[in-house]
Protein backbone atom coordinates (compact mmCIF):
# COMPACT_ATOMS: atom_id res chain seq x y z
CA MET A 1 -153.64 30.31 -61.86
CA PHE A 2 -152.89 28.13 -64.87
CA ILE A 3 -152.62 24.39 -64.06
CA THR A 4 -151.65 21.78 -66.56
CA PHE A 5 -151.77 17.87 -66.23
CA GLU A 6 -149.24 16.18 -68.39
CA GLY A 7 -147.95 12.54 -68.79
CA PRO A 8 -147.91 9.56 -71.14
CA GLU A 9 -150.86 7.71 -72.45
CA GLY A 10 -153.03 6.10 -69.60
CA CYS A 11 -151.41 8.35 -66.95
CA GLY A 12 -154.94 9.46 -65.31
CA LYS A 13 -154.57 13.17 -66.61
CA SER A 14 -158.25 13.65 -67.29
CA THR A 15 -159.45 11.96 -64.10
CA HIS A 16 -157.02 14.32 -61.89
CA SER A 17 -157.94 17.68 -63.98
CA GLN A 18 -161.91 17.06 -63.13
CA LEU A 19 -161.10 16.03 -59.53
CA LEU A 20 -159.17 19.20 -58.99
CA LYS A 21 -161.83 21.34 -60.92
CA THR A 22 -164.33 20.05 -58.27
CA TYR A 23 -161.81 20.74 -55.25
CA LEU A 24 -161.21 24.42 -56.51
CA GLU A 25 -165.09 25.12 -57.23
CA ASN A 26 -166.05 23.99 -53.96
CA LYS A 27 -163.24 26.50 -52.51
CA GLY A 28 -165.34 29.07 -54.26
CA LEU A 29 -163.08 29.73 -57.43
CA VAL A 30 -164.37 30.24 -61.08
CA VAL A 31 -162.31 27.40 -62.92
CA VAL A 32 -162.34 26.51 -66.74
CA GLN A 33 -161.41 23.18 -67.56
CA THR A 34 -160.03 22.77 -70.90
CA ARG A 35 -157.97 20.19 -73.14
CA GLU A 36 -155.52 20.02 -76.21
CA PRO A 37 -156.10 19.40 -78.69
CA GLY A 38 -159.92 20.23 -78.62
CA GLY A 39 -160.22 23.21 -76.49
CA THR A 40 -162.23 25.15 -79.09
CA PRO A 41 -164.60 24.53 -81.98
CA LEU A 42 -161.48 24.63 -84.43
CA GLY A 43 -159.59 22.51 -81.96
CA VAL A 44 -162.37 19.66 -82.19
CA LYS A 45 -161.89 19.63 -85.84
CA LEU A 46 -158.17 19.18 -85.31
CA ARG A 47 -158.43 16.55 -82.52
CA ALA A 48 -160.44 14.46 -84.89
CA ILE A 49 -157.68 14.70 -87.54
CA LEU A 50 -154.72 14.26 -85.06
CA LEU A 51 -156.13 11.43 -83.25
CA GLU A 52 -158.69 9.24 -85.41
CA LYS A 53 -156.89 9.78 -88.97
CA SER A 54 -156.01 6.27 -89.84
CA GLY A 55 -153.32 7.06 -92.25
CA PRO A 56 -149.88 8.55 -91.63
CA ILE A 57 -149.36 12.25 -91.19
CA ASP A 58 -146.28 14.10 -92.15
CA GLN A 59 -144.32 14.93 -88.85
CA LEU A 60 -143.96 18.82 -89.68
CA ALA A 61 -147.79 18.79 -90.81
CA GLU A 62 -148.68 17.02 -87.71
CA ALA A 63 -146.60 19.69 -85.58
CA SER A 64 -148.21 22.45 -87.28
CA LEU A 65 -151.73 21.11 -86.81
CA PHE A 66 -150.87 21.08 -83.00
CA PHE A 67 -149.77 24.40 -83.04
CA ALA A 68 -152.73 25.47 -85.11
CA ASP A 69 -154.78 24.24 -82.14
CA ARG A 70 -152.59 25.90 -79.40
CA ALA A 71 -152.70 29.36 -81.00
CA GLU A 72 -156.63 29.37 -81.32
CA HIS A 73 -157.01 27.63 -77.79
CA VAL A 74 -155.03 30.33 -76.07
CA ALA A 75 -156.25 33.15 -77.76
CA GLY A 76 -159.97 32.27 -77.55
CA VAL A 77 -160.05 30.43 -74.29
CA ILE A 78 -157.04 30.48 -72.03
CA LEU A 79 -156.09 34.03 -72.06
CA PRO A 80 -159.50 35.67 -71.72
CA ALA A 81 -160.14 33.20 -68.82
CA LEU A 82 -157.06 34.19 -67.24
CA LYS A 83 -157.59 38.09 -67.63
CA SER A 84 -161.07 37.66 -66.24
CA GLY A 85 -159.52 36.40 -63.05
CA LYS A 86 -160.81 32.72 -63.60
CA CYS A 87 -158.60 29.19 -62.77
CA VAL A 88 -157.66 27.58 -66.15
CA ILE A 89 -156.95 23.79 -65.86
CA CYS A 90 -155.87 22.17 -69.10
CA ASP A 91 -155.24 18.73 -70.03
CA ARG A 92 -152.03 18.82 -71.98
CA PHE A 93 -150.34 21.99 -72.94
CA LEU A 94 -146.55 23.07 -73.85
CA ASP A 95 -144.79 20.11 -72.31
CA SER A 96 -146.82 17.71 -74.30
CA THR A 97 -145.59 19.20 -77.52
CA LEU A 98 -142.10 19.07 -76.58
CA ALA A 99 -142.24 15.22 -75.28
CA TYR A 100 -144.38 13.97 -78.45
CA GLN A 101 -142.87 16.19 -81.14
CA ILE A 102 -139.22 16.35 -79.79
CA GLY A 103 -138.99 13.12 -77.86
CA GLY A 104 -141.61 11.07 -79.78
CA ARG A 105 -141.03 12.20 -83.50
CA GLY A 106 -137.49 13.59 -83.24
CA LEU A 107 -138.31 16.87 -84.79
CA PRO A 108 -135.52 19.73 -83.89
CA GLU A 109 -135.97 21.13 -80.57
CA ASP A 110 -135.01 24.67 -81.49
CA LEU A 111 -137.97 24.77 -84.02
CA ILE A 112 -140.44 23.00 -81.59
CA ARG A 113 -139.54 25.29 -78.70
CA PHE A 114 -139.81 28.67 -80.96
CA MET A 115 -143.19 27.42 -82.30
CA ASN A 116 -144.32 26.34 -79.00
CA MET A 117 -143.51 29.88 -77.56
CA GLU A 118 -145.18 31.67 -80.75
CA ALA A 119 -148.26 29.80 -80.66
CA SER A 120 -148.97 29.93 -76.69
CA PHE A 121 -148.52 33.71 -77.13
CA GLY A 122 -145.98 33.48 -74.45
CA VAL A 123 -148.39 32.13 -71.79
CA ARG A 124 -146.76 29.26 -69.55
CA PRO A 125 -148.65 27.40 -66.69
CA ASP A 126 -148.08 28.51 -63.43
CA LEU A 127 -147.91 24.79 -62.16
CA THR A 128 -147.65 21.61 -64.15
CA PHE A 129 -148.53 18.02 -62.69
CA LEU A 130 -146.70 15.13 -64.51
CA LEU A 131 -148.09 11.89 -64.02
CA ASP A 132 -145.25 9.41 -64.81
CA ILE A 133 -146.26 6.05 -65.99
CA PRO A 134 -144.44 3.06 -67.94
CA PRO A 135 -145.56 2.98 -71.43
CA GLU A 136 -146.59 -0.72 -71.21
CA VAL A 137 -149.00 -0.08 -68.06
CA GLY A 138 -150.29 3.30 -69.48
CA LEU A 139 -151.31 1.69 -73.10
CA GLU A 140 -152.88 -1.19 -71.18
CA ARG A 141 -154.85 1.38 -69.30
CA ALA A 142 -155.73 3.24 -72.46
CA LYS A 143 -156.53 -0.13 -74.56
CA ASN A 144 -159.27 -0.39 -71.63
CA LYS A 145 -161.02 2.62 -72.41
CA GLY A 146 -161.77 1.79 -76.21
CA ALA A 147 -160.45 1.62 -79.31
CA ALA A 148 -156.91 3.05 -79.73
CA ASP A 149 -156.13 6.53 -81.16
CA ARG A 150 -153.43 7.27 -83.67
CA PHE A 151 -150.62 8.08 -80.92
CA GLU A 152 -151.81 4.88 -78.91
CA ARG A 153 -151.16 2.90 -81.72
CA GLU A 154 -147.45 4.12 -82.12
CA GLY A 155 -144.88 1.35 -81.28
CA MET A 156 -143.26 1.04 -77.75
CA ALA A 157 -140.10 2.73 -78.63
CA PHE A 158 -142.16 5.99 -79.47
CA HIS A 159 -143.52 6.12 -76.10
CA THR A 160 -140.57 5.01 -74.28
CA ARG A 161 -138.99 8.31 -76.01
CA VAL A 162 -142.05 10.48 -74.97
CA ARG A 163 -141.72 9.15 -71.40
CA GLU A 164 -137.96 9.94 -71.26
CA LYS A 165 -138.36 13.53 -72.64
CA TYR A 166 -140.99 14.09 -69.99
CA LEU A 167 -138.66 13.17 -67.40
CA ALA A 168 -135.86 15.35 -68.53
CA LEU A 169 -138.44 18.33 -68.84
CA ALA A 170 -139.35 17.98 -65.36
CA ALA A 171 -135.70 17.71 -64.13
CA ASP A 172 -134.97 20.80 -65.68
CA ASP A 173 -137.77 22.58 -64.41
CA PRO A 174 -138.79 21.10 -60.93
CA GLU A 175 -140.11 24.56 -59.64
CA ARG A 176 -143.02 24.66 -61.95
CA ILE A 177 -143.38 20.82 -63.18
CA LYS A 178 -144.31 18.38 -60.12
CA LEU A 179 -143.52 15.08 -61.02
CA PHE A 180 -145.47 12.14 -59.69
CA PRO A 181 -143.38 8.96 -60.06
CA PHE A 182 -145.27 5.70 -60.83
CA GLU A 183 -146.32 4.11 -57.91
CA ASN A 184 -149.57 2.90 -58.52
CA LEU A 185 -151.11 4.63 -55.82
CA PRO A 186 -154.85 4.82 -55.30
CA ILE A 187 -156.43 8.01 -57.10
CA ASP A 188 -157.46 9.65 -54.11
CA LEU A 189 -154.25 9.55 -52.27
CA VAL A 190 -152.55 10.83 -55.25
CA GLN A 191 -155.29 13.59 -55.63
CA THR A 192 -154.73 14.65 -52.10
CA LYS A 193 -151.11 15.39 -52.89
CA ILE A 194 -151.92 17.37 -55.71
CA ARG A 195 -154.35 19.35 -54.05
CA SER A 196 -151.79 19.81 -50.98
CA ILE A 197 -149.11 21.37 -53.79
CA VAL A 198 -152.16 23.52 -55.27
CA ASP A 199 -152.73 24.92 -51.87
CA GLU A 200 -149.23 25.45 -50.78
CA LYS A 201 -148.35 27.17 -54.24
CA PHE A 202 -151.56 29.50 -54.21
CA GLY A 203 -151.98 30.02 -50.88
CA ASN A 204 -155.84 28.73 -50.95
């Protein structure tokens, strides 16, 4: 199975990725937990450029770096794991690119969707959890974790567009993308719902 976690800044993706990994491993499954950008040695270098670079990056150049990370990640980590029968849990994947590059940056949808398909070699998640959160709440959470990265420093209008695109993606593909509307629920309650959906989907 290939499961992804998506959402705006500060939504709790990484926390729930780790909790689900532990849950599935306790059921006897072999799980590869990874992330984008940064799931490969090359990806770590690209992540540093994309998130830590203080100066501006051309929007098309930025998207191209994400696609380079994606191609290396799918070819070197995700596909080999899936072919060997392992479960893959990924923090951000295709939908992040659509939300941030189309919604946030305003790049042409046809271009980004085409490059998404090419860079992922046609691989799509079996199940995606979209953890929604208002930008002002998510950015405050992210700020409390340390210095803001290049995306967290973007203005509120950017983050509002990202969130709106995420919600549109969920509305267009409700079978794959399971939307968790922002309710400020305890982590364990959200995780229980996530596990229930996974068990129902994959018959675990």
